[in-house]
């Protein structure tokens, strides 16, 4: 009887992420949050199974109990959500909350459920915590919501649009220091 080769699952997850074209460290945090890298993890409430916490009835064709197959599948799934939704926050919310909840869908009775607006406060608490762990508290993505700040030389410093400043006097000092 042959012995199973022990695989460093964190290293394998990084490789699966790289092959799928997603951020390896972010994917490791995701799998750590999903299962703690336990290939035998099981959630009786949702049916999510294995290291990637894949729900077999929604994703037939993947052996959720094979950690390498589960990691490859989960990485590919996140990559597809990232391509479809354009941001990690929406891709990860899709994995946790469901892609229909993120992208919107039509119910059997014909009523539409609108897509998620991308705001933290409109997510279920579990999904907010999930994103906090993986993306960081409050999960601002670099470049996700850029703020354009334009200095108006005709307006007093106290009326400048300066969300990056802690006080109008600092703004005035900074603008005067660079010669307006």
Protein backbone atom coordinates (compact mmCIF):
# COMPACT_ATOMS: atom_id res chain seq x y z
CA UNK A 1 0.00 0.00 0.00
CA UNK A 2 1.50 3.35 -1.08
CA UNK A 3 1.69 6.24 1.32
CA UNK A 4 0.09 9.53 0.37
CA UNK A 5 2.61 12.27 -0.26
CA UNK A 6 2.20 15.12 2.22
CA UNK A 7 1.72 18.38 0.37
CA UNK A 8 2.36 21.83 1.84
CA UNK A 9 -1.17 23.08 1.24
CA UNK A 10 -0.31 26.75 1.78
CA UNK A 11 2.40 26.52 -0.85
CA UNK A 12 0.01 24.65 -3.13
CA UNK A 13 -2.64 27.36 -2.60
CA UNK A 14 -0.15 30.06 -3.59
CA UNK A 15 0.66 28.10 -6.73
CA UNK A 16 -3.03 27.55 -7.54
CA UNK A 17 -3.63 31.28 -7.15
CA UNK A 18 -0.69 32.16 -9.38
CA UNK A 19 -1.90 29.71 -12.05
CA UNK A 20 -5.39 31.28 -11.86
CA UNK A 21 -3.96 34.80 -12.07
CA UNK A 22 -5.07 35.99 -8.63
CA UNK A 23 -3.18 37.36 -5.63
CA UNK A 24 -1.57 34.36 -3.86
CA UNK A 25 -1.42 35.91 -0.39
CA UNK A 26 -5.02 37.07 -0.56
CA UNK A 27 -6.04 33.56 -1.64
CA UNK A 28 -4.14 32.03 1.29
CA UNK A 29 -6.04 34.37 3.66
CA UNK A 30 -9.29 33.34 1.99
CA UNK A 31 -8.64 29.60 2.41
CA UNK A 32 -7.47 30.18 5.97
CA UNK A 33 -10.79 31.94 6.64
CA UNK A 34 -12.80 29.26 4.81
CA UNK A 35 -11.36 26.15 6.43
CA UNK A 36 -8.19 26.94 8.34
CA UNK A 37 -6.54 24.79 5.65
CA UNK A 38 -8.37 21.74 6.96
CA UNK A 39 -9.07 19.40 3.99
CA UNK A 40 -11.80 17.69 6.05
CA UNK A 41 -13.70 20.86 6.98
CA UNK A 42 -17.46 20.61 6.71
CA UNK A 43 -20.22 23.14 7.33
CA UNK A 44 -23.43 21.25 8.08
CA UNK A 45 -25.59 24.38 7.66
CA UNK A 46 -24.48 25.22 4.10
CA UNK A 47 -22.99 21.92 2.96
CA UNK A 48 -19.68 23.65 2.19
CA UNK A 49 -17.02 20.97 2.17
CA UNK A 50 -13.28 20.48 2.06
CA UNK A 51 -10.40 22.90 2.21
CA UNK A 52 -12.00 25.32 -0.27
CA UNK A 53 -15.46 25.05 1.33
CA UNK A 54 -17.10 24.31 -2.00
CA UNK A 55 -20.79 23.36 -1.99
CA UNK A 56 -20.96 20.21 -4.12
CA UNK A 57 -24.58 20.62 -5.22
CA UNK A 58 -23.73 24.01 -6.78
CA UNK A 59 -20.34 22.90 -8.07
CA UNK A 60 -20.57 19.27 -9.18
CA UNK A 61 -17.52 17.94 -10.92
CA UNK A 62 -14.95 18.91 -8.32
CA UNK A 63 -13.77 16.44 -5.71
CA UNK A 64 -14.11 18.70 -2.67
CA UNK A 65 -12.30 16.13 -0.51
CA UNK A 66 -9.17 16.26 -2.70
CA UNK A 67 -7.36 19.31 -1.31
CA UNK A 68 -5.38 20.03 -4.47
CA UNK A 69 -8.47 19.78 -6.69
CA UNK A 70 -10.47 21.90 -4.25
CA UNK A 71 -7.78 24.60 -4.12
CA UNK A 72 -7.44 24.66 -7.91
CA UNK A 73 -11.20 24.95 -8.26
CA UNK A 74 -11.55 27.66 -5.61
CA UNK A 75 -8.75 29.72 -7.18
CA UNK A 76 -10.36 29.41 -10.61
CA UNK A 77 -13.74 30.33 -9.18
CA UNK A 78 -12.38 33.48 -7.53
CA UNK A 79 -10.59 34.36 -10.79
CA UNK A 80 -13.87 34.02 -12.69
CA UNK A 81 -15.69 36.20 -10.14
CA UNK A 82 -12.89 38.77 -10.29
CA UNK A 83 -13.22 38.90 -14.07
CA UNK A 84 -17.02 39.11 -13.89
CA UNK A 85 -17.29 41.70 -11.13
CA UNK A 86 -14.03 43.66 -11.44
CA UNK A 87 -12.97 43.80 -7.80
CA UNK A 88 -11.74 41.49 -5.07
CA UNK A 89 -14.43 42.76 -2.69
CA UNK A 90 -17.15 41.63 -5.10
CA UNK A 91 -15.35 38.41 -6.05
CA UNK A 92 -14.94 37.40 -2.41
CA UNK A 93 -18.48 38.47 -1.54
CA UNK A 94 -19.65 36.22 -4.41
CA UNK A 95 -17.71 33.27 -3.00
CA UNK A 96 -19.12 33.81 0.49
CA UNK A 97 -22.61 35.22 -0.11
CA UNK A 98 -23.35 33.98 -3.62
CA UNK A 99 -22.75 35.45 -7.05
CA UNK A 100 -26.47 36.09 -7.55
CA UNK A 101 -26.54 38.27 -4.47
CA UNK A 102 -23.60 40.26 -5.81
CA UNK A 103 -24.60 40.42 -9.47
CA UNK A 104 -28.35 40.50 -9.08
CA UNK A 105 -30.86 37.98 -10.40
CA UNK A 106 -34.47 37.43 -11.32
CA UNK A 107 -36.63 35.40 -8.96
CA UNK A 108 -38.94 32.64 -10.21
CA UNK A 109 -41.89 35.02 -9.88
CA UNK A 110 -40.21 37.49 -12.23
CA UNK A 111 -39.20 40.10 -9.67
CA UNK A 112 -35.67 41.36 -9.91
CA UNK A 113 -33.11 41.43 -7.14
CA UNK A 114 -30.70 44.29 -7.88
CA UNK A 115 -26.94 43.82 -7.81
CA UNK A 116 -25.05 44.58 -4.60
CA UNK A 117 -24.02 48.23 -4.55
CA UNK A 118 -20.52 47.45 -3.25
CA UNK A 119 -21.06 49.17 0.08
CA UNK A 120 -19.95 47.52 3.29
CA UNK A 121 -23.12 48.38 5.20
CA UNK A 122 -25.37 46.55 2.75
CA UNK A 123 -23.72 43.14 3.26
CA UNK A 124 -24.75 40.47 5.75
CA UNK A 125 -22.60 40.61 8.91
CA UNK A 126 -20.92 37.27 8.08
CA UNK A 127 -19.78 38.53 4.68
CA UNK A 128 -18.53 41.82 6.15
CA UNK A 129 -16.40 39.85 8.65
CA UNK A 130 -15.21 37.57 5.86
CA UNK A 131 -14.03 40.54 3.80
CA UNK A 132 -12.47 42.19 6.87
CA UNK A 133 -10.31 39.12 7.53
CA UNK A 134 -9.22 38.68 3.92
CA UNK A 135 -8.96 42.28 2.70
CA UNK A 136 -8.32 44.09 5.97
CA UNK A 137 -10.58 45.98 8.34
CA UNK A 138 -12.94 48.12 6.31
CA UNK A 139 -11.47 46.56 3.12
CA UNK A 140 -10.61 49.55 1.02
CA UNK A 141 -9.11 48.24 -2.20
CA UNK A 142 -6.32 50.29 -3.72
CA UNK A 143 -7.87 52.43 -6.43
CA UNK A 144 -11.40 51.14 -5.76
CA UNK A 145 -12.90 54.55 -5.04
CA UNK A 146 -10.38 57.20 -6.03
CA UNK A 147 -11.02 60.69 -4.77
CA UNK A 148 -10.04 63.54 -7.05
CA UNK A 149 -9.04 66.61 -5.10
CA UNK A 150 -8.71 69.89 -6.96
CA UNK A 151 -7.41 73.04 -5.32
CA UNK A 152 -9.55 76.11 -6.02
CA UNK A 153 -7.22 79.08 -5.67
CA UNK A 154 -10.17 81.49 -5.47
CA UNK A 155 -11.84 79.78 -2.47
CA UNK A 156 -10.73 80.29 1.13
CA UNK A 157 -8.76 77.38 2.57
CA UNK A 158 -11.61 76.43 4.89
CA UNK A 159 -13.77 75.63 1.82
CA UNK A 160 -11.28 73.44 -0.03
CA UNK A 161 -12.29 69.85 -0.85
CA UNK A 162 -9.65 68.12 1.24
CA UNK A 163 -10.69 64.73 2.68
CA UNK A 164 -6.97 63.97 3.08
CA UNK A 165 -6.40 66.82 5.55
CA UNK A 166 -7.15 66.88 9.23
CA UNK A 167 -7.72 70.65 9.45
CA UNK A 168 -8.28 73.63 7.14
CA UNK A 169 -5.24 75.37 8.60
CA UNK A 170 -3.05 72.40 7.58
CA UNK A 171 -4.44 72.64 4.07
CA UNK A 172 -3.73 76.34 3.86
CA UNK A 173 -0.22 75.85 5.22
CA UNK A 174 0.43 73.02 2.75
CA UNK A 175 -0.89 74.95 -0.22
CA UNK A 176 1.01 78.08 0.73
CA UNK A 177 4.16 76.01 1.24
CA UNK A 178 4.05 74.81 -2.37
CA UNK A 179 3.30 78.29 -3.68
CA UNK A 180 -0.35 77.76 -4.56
